[in-house]
Amino acid sequence: STLIIIPIASLFNYSVHADRIALLALSGLLFGSAIYSFAFLISVLFSERSKTYFVAAGAIIASYVLNIVGSLKESLHPLQSISIFNYFDATNAIVNGTISTAAIVVCLVVTAASTALAVVIFTKRDIQV
C-alpha cells in the first residue's frame, strides 16, 4: 500500500506530505480506472475468455512498449502520447505535488468512453441462454 511510505519515511527523519500521497493515490486511481475500463470493453467484445485476456494484455503491453520506445529517441517522442503509461507520473505527484491536466483528461476520457462503449455493445449483444 502507498501509506506504508509514511512510517518508513519517519524512520529516516524524512518528512512526507500527506497531500502528495493523496495526489499519488488519485493519479493511480485515474490510471487504474482507464486500464480497467479498457479491459471491460475488450471483455465485452470477445466471448471467449482466452481471447479477452490475450487482446487486453497485448494492448496494455503494446502501450507500455510505445512509452518506452518513445523515450529512447527524440524523433520517436510522439509515440509516448499514444501510450496511457505516459499519463501516469508518480514522480511528479510526489516531488512537485501536481498531476498534469492532460493526465486527468486523458484518463477520464478513456474511462468514460470505454465504459460507455462497453455498455452500449453489451446491451445490444445477443446472449444465448
Protein backbone atom coordinates (compact mmCIF):
# COMPACT_ATOMS: atom_id res chain seq x y z
CA SER A 1 0.00 0.00 0.00
CA THR A 2 1.06 3.57 -0.60
CA LEU A 3 0.50 4.50 3.04
CA ILE A 4 3.48 2.37 4.13
CA ILE A 5 5.64 5.26 2.89
CA ILE A 6 4.72 7.38 5.92
CA PRO A 7 6.16 5.14 8.72
CA ILE A 8 9.19 4.19 6.63
CA ALA A 9 9.96 7.85 5.91
CA SER A 10 9.68 8.70 9.62
CA LEU A 11 12.34 6.07 10.39
CA PHE A 12 14.77 8.07 8.26
CA ASN A 13 13.63 11.50 9.52
CA TYR A 14 12.18 12.36 6.13
CA SER A 15 9.04 14.47 6.06
CA VAL A 16 6.19 13.20 3.92
CA HIS A 17 3.47 15.47 2.64
CA ALA A 18 0.12 13.75 3.03
CA ASP A 19 -1.35 15.87 0.24
CA ARG A 20 1.24 14.48 -2.19
CA ILE A 21 0.45 10.92 -1.13
CA ALA A 22 -3.22 11.71 -1.81
CA LEU A 23 -2.29 13.04 -5.27
CA LEU A 24 -0.34 9.86 -5.96
CA ALA A 25 -3.36 7.79 -4.93
CA LEU A 26 -5.63 9.90 -7.14
CA SER A 27 -3.25 9.54 -10.06
CA GLY A 28 -3.17 5.77 -9.55
CA LEU A 29 -6.96 5.66 -9.32
CA LEU A 30 -7.34 7.55 -12.60
CA PHE A 31 -4.76 5.36 -14.33
CA GLY A 32 -6.26 2.15 -12.95
CA SER A 33 -9.76 3.21 -13.94
CA ALA A 34 -8.63 3.79 -17.52
CA ILE A 35 -6.94 0.37 -17.68
CA TYR A 36 -9.87 -1.45 -16.07
CA SER A 37 -12.50 0.20 -18.24
CA PHE A 38 -10.48 -0.61 -21.36
CA ALA A 39 -10.24 -4.24 -20.24
CA PHE A 40 -14.00 -4.19 -19.60
CA LEU A 41 -14.56 -3.03 -23.18
CA ILE A 42 -12.34 -5.80 -24.51
CA SER A 43 -14.22 -8.38 -22.42
CA VAL A 44 -17.50 -7.26 -23.97
CA LEU A 45 -16.09 -7.55 -27.49
CA PHE A 46 -14.90 -11.14 -27.15
CA SER A 47 -16.97 -14.00 -25.79
CA GLU A 48 -14.01 -16.31 -25.19
CA ARG A 49 -12.04 -15.66 -22.03
CA SER A 50 -8.67 -16.56 -23.57
CA LYS A 51 -9.14 -14.05 -26.42
CA THR A 52 -10.14 -11.38 -23.93
CA TYR A 53 -7.01 -11.94 -21.85
CA PHE A 54 -4.76 -12.05 -24.89
CA VAL A 55 -6.10 -8.88 -26.53
CA ALA A 56 -6.33 -6.86 -23.31
CA ALA A 57 -2.85 -7.86 -22.12
CA GLY A 58 -1.41 -7.39 -25.61
CA ALA A 59 -2.85 -3.88 -25.89
CA ILE A 60 -1.58 -2.89 -22.45
CA ILE A 61 1.89 -4.30 -23.15
CA ALA A 62 1.94 -2.55 -26.54
CA SER A 63 1.05 0.72 -24.82
CA TYR A 64 3.91 0.23 -22.36
CA VAL A 65 6.35 -0.55 -25.18
CA LEU A 66 5.26 2.60 -27.06
CA ASN A 67 6.00 4.63 -23.94
CA ILE A 68 9.48 3.11 -23.60
CA VAL A 69 10.34 3.38 -27.30
CA GLY A 70 9.13 6.97 -27.36
CA SER A 71 11.51 7.86 -24.55
CA LEU A 72 14.56 6.39 -26.29
CA LYS A 73 14.90 8.77 -29.21
CA GLU A 74 13.69 12.33 -29.75
CA SER A 75 12.19 11.56 -33.16
CA LEU A 76 10.06 8.81 -31.59
CA HIS A 77 8.82 11.01 -28.74
CA PRO A 78 5.30 11.42 -30.28
CA LEU A 79 4.73 7.70 -29.66
CA GLN A 80 4.60 8.41 -25.94
CA SER A 81 1.43 10.48 -26.27
CA ILE A 82 -0.36 7.38 -27.61
CA SER A 83 0.53 5.37 -24.51
CA ILE A 84 -1.65 5.51 -21.40
CA PHE A 85 1.51 4.93 -19.35
CA ASN A 86 2.74 8.37 -20.39
CA TYR A 87 -0.04 9.91 -18.30
CA PHE A 88 0.81 8.20 -15.02
CA ASP A 89 3.60 10.27 -13.45
CA ALA A 90 4.18 9.21 -9.86
CA THR A 91 7.36 11.27 -9.60
CA ASN A 92 5.56 14.48 -10.50
CA ALA A 93 2.84 13.76 -7.93
CA ILE A 94 5.32 13.06 -5.11
CA VAL A 95 8.09 15.57 -5.90
CA ASN A 96 6.12 18.51 -7.28
CA GLY A 97 2.72 17.81 -5.78
CA THR A 98 0.90 18.06 -9.11
CA ILE A 99 -0.91 15.94 -11.65
CA SER A 100 -0.96 17.23 -15.19
CA THR A 101 -4.28 18.35 -16.60
CA ALA A 102 -3.61 16.21 -19.67
CA ALA A 103 -3.27 13.11 -17.47
CA ILE A 104 -6.58 13.81 -15.75
CA VAL A 105 -8.40 14.50 -19.01
CA VAL A 106 -6.95 11.52 -20.91
CA CYS A 107 -7.65 9.05 -18.09
CA LEU A 108 -11.20 10.33 -17.59
CA VAL A 109 -11.94 10.29 -21.34
CA VAL A 110 -10.56 6.75 -21.75
CA THR A 111 -12.56 5.60 -18.72
CA ALA A 112 -15.81 7.24 -19.81
CA ALA A 113 -15.52 6.28 -23.49
CA SER A 114 -14.53 2.66 -22.80
CA THR A 115 -17.26 2.17 -20.22
CA ALA A 116 -19.96 3.82 -22.34
CA LEU A 117 -18.99 1.87 -25.43
CA ALA A 118 -18.89 -1.39 -23.45
CA VAL A 119 -22.36 -0.76 -22.03
CA VAL A 120 -23.79 0.04 -25.48
CA ILE A 121 -22.22 -3.06 -27.04
CA PHE A 122 -23.27 -5.28 -24.15
CA THR A 123 -26.90 -4.16 -24.22
CA LYS A 124 -27.12 -4.82 -27.97
CA ARG A 125 -25.45 -8.22 -27.67
CA ASP A 126 -27.49 -11.32 -28.38
CA ILE A 127 -26.82 -13.53 -25.38
CA GLN A 128 -27.71 -17.18 -25.81
CA VAL A 129 -29.29 -18.92 -22.88
